[in-house]
Amino acid sequence: MSEVRVCNCVGPQNGQPRCPCMMRNVIQRDGRWIELERDLGPVRPYCVDALKAYFQNAIAPTTPNNGSL
């Protein structure tokens, strides 16, 4: 995913694909420009289960008072 930033750069320079401020995570490898990935750590199983439960309830919320109105 690319970030959007406001800068005063004049654009890509010296044959680079992006302006200097956006070249932080870009390297040259085997004659190609490569955007580096960032490892933010392992995904914990309980986080995934909590997210699934959250989105299932957001899509089909349960009714209060056991469905009685």
N, C-alpha and C. Protein backbone atom coordinates (compact mmCIF):
# COMPACT_ATOMS: atom_id res chain seq x y z
N MET A 1 0.86 -1.16 0.00
CA MET A 1 0.00 0.00 0.00
C MET A 1 0.90 1.22 0.00
N SER A 2 0.60 2.17 -0.85
CA SER A 2 1.42 3.36 -0.89
C SER A 2 0.79 4.45 -0.02
N GLU A 3 1.65 5.28 0.52
CA GLU A 3 1.20 6.37 1.38
C GLU A 3 1.04 7.63 0.55
N VAL A 4 0.16 8.50 0.98
CA VAL A 4 -0.02 9.79 0.33
C VAL A 4 0.55 10.84 1.25
N ARG A 5 1.48 11.63 0.73
CA ARG A 5 2.11 12.67 1.52
C ARG A 5 2.16 13.95 0.70
N VAL A 6 2.11 15.06 1.38
CA VAL A 6 2.26 16.34 0.72
C VAL A 6 3.71 16.76 0.92
N CYS A 7 4.40 17.05 -0.16
CA CYS A 7 5.80 17.46 -0.05
C CYS A 7 6.07 18.56 -1.08
N ASN A 8 7.25 19.10 -1.00
CA ASN A 8 7.65 20.16 -1.93
C ASN A 8 8.66 19.64 -2.95
N CYS A 9 8.68 18.32 -3.17
CA CYS A 9 9.62 17.74 -4.13
C CYS A 9 9.23 18.16 -5.54
N VAL A 10 10.22 18.16 -6.42
CA VAL A 10 9.96 18.52 -7.81
C VAL A 10 9.62 17.30 -8.64
N GLY A 11 9.60 16.13 -8.03
CA GLY A 11 9.27 14.90 -8.74
C GLY A 11 10.45 13.94 -8.76
N PRO A 12 10.30 12.83 -9.46
CA PRO A 12 11.37 11.85 -9.53
C PRO A 12 12.64 12.45 -10.12
N GLN A 13 13.80 12.04 -9.61
CA GLN A 13 15.07 12.55 -10.07
C GLN A 13 16.04 11.41 -10.33
N ASN A 14 16.98 11.60 -11.20
CA ASN A 14 18.04 10.64 -11.50
C ASN A 14 17.50 9.28 -11.92
N GLY A 15 16.39 9.26 -12.65
CA GLY A 15 15.82 8.01 -13.13
C GLY A 15 15.06 7.21 -12.10
N GLN A 16 14.85 7.78 -10.94
CA GLN A 16 14.11 7.08 -9.90
C GLN A 16 12.61 7.12 -10.19
N PRO A 17 11.85 6.09 -9.74
CA PRO A 17 10.42 6.04 -10.05
C PRO A 17 9.57 6.99 -9.22
N ARG A 18 10.11 7.49 -8.13
CA ARG A 18 9.35 8.39 -7.25
C ARG A 18 10.20 9.57 -6.82
N CYS A 19 9.56 10.57 -6.22
CA CYS A 19 10.32 11.71 -5.72
C CYS A 19 11.15 11.27 -4.51
N PRO A 20 12.21 12.01 -4.16
CA PRO A 20 13.12 11.58 -3.10
C PRO A 20 12.45 11.27 -1.76
N CYS A 21 11.44 12.00 -1.39
CA CYS A 21 10.82 11.74 -0.08
C CYS A 21 10.04 10.42 -0.07
N MET A 22 9.66 9.91 -1.24
CA MET A 22 8.92 8.64 -1.31
C MET A 22 9.82 7.44 -1.62
N MET A 23 11.14 7.67 -1.68
CA MET A 23 12.07 6.59 -1.99
C MET A 23 12.59 5.90 -0.74
N ARG A 24 12.00 6.16 0.42
CA ARG A 24 12.49 5.58 1.67
C ARG A 24 12.48 4.06 1.68
N ASN A 25 11.43 3.46 1.16
CA ASN A 25 11.29 2.00 1.20
C ASN A 25 11.51 1.36 -0.16
N VAL A 26 12.24 2.03 -1.04
CA VAL A 26 12.47 1.52 -2.38
C VAL A 26 13.96 1.27 -2.57
N ILE A 27 14.29 0.09 -3.12
CA ILE A 27 15.68 -0.24 -3.40
C ILE A 27 15.79 -0.76 -4.83
N GLN A 28 17.03 -0.81 -5.34
CA GLN A 28 17.28 -1.42 -6.64
C GLN A 28 17.76 -2.84 -6.39
N ARG A 29 17.14 -3.80 -7.09
CA ARG A 29 17.56 -5.20 -6.98
C ARG A 29 17.39 -5.85 -8.35
N ASP A 30 18.47 -6.42 -8.86
CA ASP A 30 18.47 -7.11 -10.15
C ASP A 30 17.92 -6.22 -11.27
N GLY A 31 18.29 -4.94 -11.25
CA GLY A 31 17.87 -4.03 -12.31
C GLY A 31 16.42 -3.58 -12.23
N ARG A 32 15.78 -3.82 -11.08
CA ARG A 32 14.37 -3.42 -10.91
C ARG A 32 14.23 -2.62 -9.63
N TRP A 33 13.22 -1.74 -9.58
CA TRP A 33 12.90 -1.01 -8.36
C TRP A 33 11.99 -1.88 -7.52
N ILE A 34 12.34 -2.09 -6.27
CA ILE A 34 11.59 -2.96 -5.37
C ILE A 34 11.16 -2.15 -4.15
N GLU A 35 9.86 -2.20 -3.83
CA GLU A 35 9.36 -1.56 -2.62
C GLU A 35 9.42 -2.58 -1.49
N LEU A 36 10.13 -2.25 -0.43
CA LEU A 36 10.33 -3.18 0.68
C LEU A 36 9.05 -3.38 1.47
N GLU A 37 8.91 -4.57 2.00
CA GLU A 37 7.79 -4.88 2.88
C GLU A 37 8.20 -4.59 4.31
N ARG A 38 7.22 -4.37 5.15
CA ARG A 38 7.47 -4.15 6.57
C ARG A 38 6.81 -5.25 7.36
N ASP A 39 7.59 -5.91 8.21
CA ASP A 39 7.06 -6.96 9.07
C ASP A 39 6.65 -6.31 10.38
N LEU A 40 5.37 -6.36 10.69
CA LEU A 40 4.86 -5.76 11.92
C LEU A 40 4.68 -6.77 13.04
N GLY A 41 5.11 -8.01 12.81
CA GLY A 41 5.02 -9.03 13.85
C GLY A 41 4.00 -10.09 13.50
N PRO A 42 3.98 -11.14 14.31
CA PRO A 42 3.07 -12.25 14.03
C PRO A 42 1.61 -11.89 14.33
N VAL A 43 0.72 -12.56 13.64
CA VAL A 43 -0.71 -12.41 13.89
C VAL A 43 -1.07 -13.38 15.00
N ARG A 44 -1.66 -12.88 16.03
CA ARG A 44 -2.06 -13.74 17.14
C ARG A 44 -3.44 -14.31 16.86
N PRO A 45 -3.63 -15.61 17.08
CA PRO A 45 -4.92 -16.24 16.75
C PRO A 45 -6.11 -15.57 17.41
N TYR A 46 -5.98 -15.14 18.67
CA TYR A 46 -7.15 -14.53 19.31
C TYR A 46 -7.51 -13.19 18.70
N CYS A 47 -6.57 -12.51 18.11
CA CYS A 47 -6.89 -11.25 17.42
C CYS A 47 -7.74 -11.52 16.18
N VAL A 48 -7.38 -12.56 15.44
CA VAL A 48 -8.13 -12.91 14.24
C VAL A 48 -9.55 -13.33 14.62
N ASP A 49 -9.70 -14.15 15.66
CA ASP A 49 -11.03 -14.58 16.10
C ASP A 49 -11.87 -13.39 16.57
N ALA A 50 -11.24 -12.46 17.28
CA ALA A 50 -11.96 -11.29 17.77
C ALA A 50 -12.43 -10.42 16.60
N LEU A 51 -11.58 -10.27 15.59
CA LEU A 51 -11.97 -9.48 14.42
C LEU A 51 -13.11 -10.15 13.66
N LYS A 52 -13.05 -11.47 13.51
CA LYS A 52 -14.14 -12.18 12.84
C LYS A 52 -15.45 -11.97 13.57
N ALA A 53 -15.42 -12.10 14.89
CA ALA A 53 -16.64 -11.92 15.69
C ALA A 53 -17.16 -10.49 15.57
N TYR A 54 -16.25 -9.53 15.58
CA TYR A 54 -16.66 -8.13 15.47
C TYR A 54 -17.36 -7.87 14.15
N PHE A 55 -16.75 -8.33 13.04
CA PHE A 55 -17.34 -8.06 11.74
C PHE A 55 -18.62 -8.86 11.51
N GLN A 56 -18.73 -10.05 12.06
CA GLN A 56 -19.97 -10.80 11.93
C GLN A 56 -21.09 -10.07 12.65
N ASN A 57 -20.82 -9.51 13.82
CA ASN A 57 -21.84 -8.77 14.56
C ASN A 57 -22.15 -7.43 13.89
N ALA A 58 -21.17 -6.84 13.22
CA ALA A 58 -21.41 -5.58 12.53
C ALA A 58 -22.29 -5.79 11.30
N ILE A 59 -22.12 -6.94 10.65
CA ILE A 59 -22.92 -7.23 9.45
C ILE A 59 -24.32 -7.69 9.83
N ALA A 60 -24.42 -8.58 10.80
CA ALA A 60 -25.71 -9.11 11.24
C ALA A 60 -25.81 -8.94 12.75
N PRO A 61 -26.09 -7.72 13.21
CA PRO A 61 -26.11 -7.48 14.66
C PRO A 61 -27.22 -8.26 15.36
N THR A 62 -26.95 -8.60 16.58
CA THR A 62 -27.95 -9.29 17.37
C THR A 62 -28.94 -8.27 17.93
N THR A 63 -30.15 -8.68 18.14
CA THR A 63 -31.17 -7.77 18.68
C THR A 63 -31.09 -7.77 20.21
N PRO A 64 -31.34 -6.65 20.83
CA PRO A 64 -31.28 -6.59 22.29
C PRO A 64 -32.45 -7.37 22.91
N ASN A 65 -32.33 -7.74 24.13
CA ASN A 65 -33.37 -8.43 24.89
C ASN A 65 -33.79 -9.75 24.25
N ASN A 66 -32.83 -10.47 23.71
CA ASN A 66 -33.08 -11.78 23.10
C ASN A 66 -34.12 -11.75 21.99
N GLY A 67 -34.19 -10.68 21.26
CA GLY A 67 -35.07 -10.60 20.10
C GLY A 67 -36.47 -10.10 20.40
N SER A 68 -36.82 -9.92 21.65
CA SER A 68 -38.16 -9.42 21.96
C SER A 68 -38.13 -7.90 21.96
N LEU A 69 -39.15 -7.30 21.42
CA LEU A 69 -39.22 -5.84 21.35
C LEU A 69 -40.16 -5.27 22.37
